[in-house]
Amino acid sequence: MMVSADSLNLLREMGGQYPEDIKVPFPGTLYNLIGDAKVEDQVKFLVLTLDHIIKLMDGTGHMNSVQWKPKTVEYFLKDLHRQSSELKECVAQYQKPSHKESYEKRIKRHFRTLKRILKKEKYSAHAWEQIRRAVRTHLQRMDIIANNTKSLLKV
């Protein structure tokens, strides 16, 4: 399983050129930690992050201000759903931990911050571009993790 190059392409297609002047909070240190974690935790992290991205990007009712192609957004979300369900098949084989992993709380907090950006800026086109930029970075970093675990996963 690789975080699909299709997802990155669709993300670029839906909104065109990424504005370079946008700064977005990103949990880089969390990705560094996950890069050294057990494969099981890496796969769980990928699923968790994909699901957070889906939830964040599935804001069609709030996307009026942004000039993204609706069909492309739909294909993008379908692609993420597909990847998530493929990875969930792997996760189903793992034992359930008795406690929440710290990365679960940290990634949830990060996506809450992204959601706050949207709300604070009243779902403006600029706010959505910030989100698109953050999602691109997530997908790129997730791709690295997925490639590292690929040889150990038989998906």
Protein backbone atom coordinates (compact mmCIF):
# COMPACT_ATOMS: atom_id res chain seq x y z
CA MET A 1 0.00 0.00 0.00
CA MET A 2 1.29 3.40 -0.91
CA VAL A 3 -0.35 6.67 -0.15
CA SER A 4 -1.56 7.14 -3.64
CA ALA A 5 0.16 9.50 -6.03
CA ASP A 6 -3.37 9.90 -7.39
CA SER A 7 -4.36 11.67 -4.17
CA LEU A 8 -1.57 14.21 -4.56
CA ASN A 9 -2.43 14.72 -8.23
CA LEU A 10 -6.13 15.20 -7.48
CA LEU A 11 -5.31 17.62 -4.67
CA ARG A 12 -3.21 19.68 -7.10
CA GLU A 13 -5.84 19.46 -9.86
CA MET A 14 -8.71 20.60 -7.64
CA GLY A 15 -7.14 23.96 -6.88
CA GLY A 16 -4.28 24.50 -9.28
CA GLN A 17 -0.99 26.10 -8.19
CA TYR A 18 -0.28 26.10 -4.45
CA PRO A 19 0.25 29.59 -3.06
CA GLU A 20 3.80 29.64 -1.69
CA ASP A 21 3.23 32.42 0.83
CA ILE A 22 0.97 30.38 3.10
CA LYS A 23 2.22 29.17 6.47
CA VAL A 24 0.35 26.28 8.06
CA PRO A 25 1.01 24.50 11.35
CA PHE A 26 2.36 20.99 10.76
CA PRO A 27 3.33 18.25 13.25
CA GLY A 28 6.72 17.47 11.72
CA THR A 29 8.16 16.11 14.98
CA LEU A 30 5.23 13.69 15.25
CA TYR A 31 6.04 12.35 11.77
CA ASN A 32 9.68 11.95 12.78
CA LEU A 33 8.62 9.90 15.80
CA ILE A 34 6.21 7.77 13.77
CA GLY A 35 8.96 7.13 11.24
CA ASP A 36 10.83 5.26 13.98
CA ALA A 37 7.78 3.50 15.44
CA LYS A 38 6.73 -0.13 14.98
CA VAL A 39 5.12 -0.90 11.61
CA GLU A 40 1.84 -1.60 13.40
CA ASP A 41 1.81 1.92 14.86
CA GLN A 42 2.79 3.42 11.52
CA VAL A 43 -0.15 1.74 9.78
CA LYS A 44 -2.55 2.84 12.53
CA PHE A 45 -1.19 6.36 12.25
CA LEU A 46 -1.74 6.38 8.47
CA VAL A 47 -5.36 5.25 8.91
CA LEU A 48 -5.98 7.81 11.63
CA THR A 49 -4.48 10.63 9.59
CA LEU A 50 -6.36 9.64 6.42
CA ASP A 51 -9.62 9.62 8.35
CA HIS A 52 -8.87 13.06 9.82
CA ILE A 53 -8.08 14.42 6.34
CA ILE A 54 -11.33 12.95 4.96
CA LYS A 55 -13.35 14.52 7.78
CA LEU A 56 -11.63 17.88 7.30
CA MET A 57 -11.93 17.96 3.50
CA ASP A 58 -15.49 16.67 3.38
CA GLY A 59 -16.85 20.15 4.02
CA THR A 60 -18.75 20.59 0.80
CA GLY A 61 -21.33 22.80 2.50
CA HIS A 62 -18.55 25.17 3.51
CA MET A 63 -16.62 25.21 0.23
CA ASN A 64 -18.63 27.91 -1.56
CA SER A 65 -15.87 30.49 -1.23
CA VAL A 66 -13.24 28.35 -2.92
CA GLN A 67 -13.06 27.75 -6.67
CA TRP A 68 -12.19 24.05 -6.54
CA LYS A 69 -13.57 21.59 -9.05
CA PRO A 70 -16.33 19.70 -7.16
CA LYS A 71 -15.86 16.49 -9.19
CA THR A 72 -12.14 16.48 -8.39
CA VAL A 73 -12.84 16.98 -4.68
CA GLU A 74 -15.23 14.02 -4.87
CA TYR A 75 -12.63 11.79 -6.59
CA PHE A 76 -10.01 12.91 -4.06
CA LEU A 77 -12.23 11.90 -1.12
CA LYS A 78 -13.08 8.56 -2.79
CA ASP A 79 -9.38 7.84 -3.25
CA LEU A 80 -8.67 8.60 0.42
CA HIS A 81 -11.61 6.40 1.51
CA ARG A 82 -10.24 3.54 -0.60
CA GLN A 83 -6.76 3.84 0.94
CA SER A 84 -8.21 4.07 4.43
CA SER A 85 -10.30 0.93 4.05
CA GLU A 86 -7.36 -1.02 2.56
CA LEU A 87 -5.22 -0.06 5.55
CA LYS A 88 -8.02 -0.85 8.00
CA GLU A 89 -7.87 -4.45 6.75
CA CYS A 90 -4.27 -4.57 8.02
CA VAL A 91 -5.16 -2.85 11.30
CA ALA A 92 -7.93 -5.39 11.94
CA GLN A 93 -5.23 -8.05 12.31
CA TYR A 94 -3.42 -6.14 15.08
CA GLN A 95 -4.17 -6.48 18.76
CA LYS A 96 -6.11 -3.63 20.30
CA PRO A 97 -3.94 -1.57 22.67
CA SER A 98 -5.22 -1.10 26.19
CA HIS A 99 -4.65 2.66 26.00
CA LYS A 100 -4.69 5.47 23.44
CA GLU A 101 -1.29 6.02 21.89
CA SER A 102 0.14 9.51 22.34
CA TYR A 103 0.23 10.00 18.56
CA GLU A 104 -3.56 9.57 18.46
CA LYS A 105 -4.06 12.54 20.77
CA ARG A 106 -1.40 14.62 19.02
CA ILE A 107 -2.74 14.12 15.50
CA LYS A 108 -6.30 14.81 16.73
CA ARG A 109 -5.10 18.06 18.31
CA HIS A 110 -3.38 19.06 15.06
CA PHE A 111 -6.53 18.54 12.99
CA ARG A 112 -8.56 20.48 15.56
CA THR A 113 -6.15 23.38 14.94
CA LEU A 114 -6.73 23.12 11.18
CA LYS A 115 -10.50 23.08 11.73
CA ARG A 116 -10.16 26.20 13.90
CA ILE A 117 -8.32 27.98 11.06
CA LEU A 118 -11.31 27.30 8.78
CA LYS A 119 -13.87 28.46 11.34
CA LYS A 120 -11.90 31.55 12.37
CA GLU A 121 -11.59 32.63 8.74
CA LYS A 122 -15.25 31.75 8.09
CA TYR A 123 -14.28 29.07 5.55
CA SER A 124 -12.71 31.64 3.23
CA ALA A 125 -10.87 30.65 0.06
CA HIS A 126 -7.60 31.59 1.79
CA ALA A 127 -8.38 29.30 4.73
CA TRP A 128 -9.19 26.39 2.40
CA GLU A 129 -5.90 26.96 0.55
CA GLN A 130 -4.11 26.73 3.91
CA ILE A 131 -5.86 23.42 4.50
CA ARG A 132 -5.04 22.14 1.01
CA ARG A 133 -1.41 23.04 1.59
CA ALA A 134 -1.38 21.22 4.96
CA VAL A 135 -3.06 18.16 3.42
CA ARG A 136 -0.42 18.07 0.67
CA THR A 137 2.35 18.00 3.28
CA HIS A 138 0.53 15.25 5.19
CA LEU A 139 0.16 13.13 2.05
CA GLN A 140 3.82 13.61 1.13
CA ARG A 141 5.01 12.61 4.61
CA MET A 142 2.53 9.72 4.77
CA ASP A 143 3.87 8.48 1.44
CA ILE A 144 7.36 8.26 2.94
CA ILE A 145 6.04 6.23 5.90
CA ALA A 146 3.98 4.00 3.60
CA ASN A 147 7.00 3.33 1.39
CA ASN A 148 9.08 2.40 4.42
CA THR A 149 6.46 -0.07 5.65
CA LYS A 150 5.54 -1.38 2.19
CA SER A 151 8.06 -4.21 2.21
CA LEU A 152 6.68 -5.45 5.52
CA LEU A 153 3.02 -5.16 4.58
CA LYS A 154 1.45 -7.56 2.15
CA VAL A 155 -1.42 -5.34 0.98
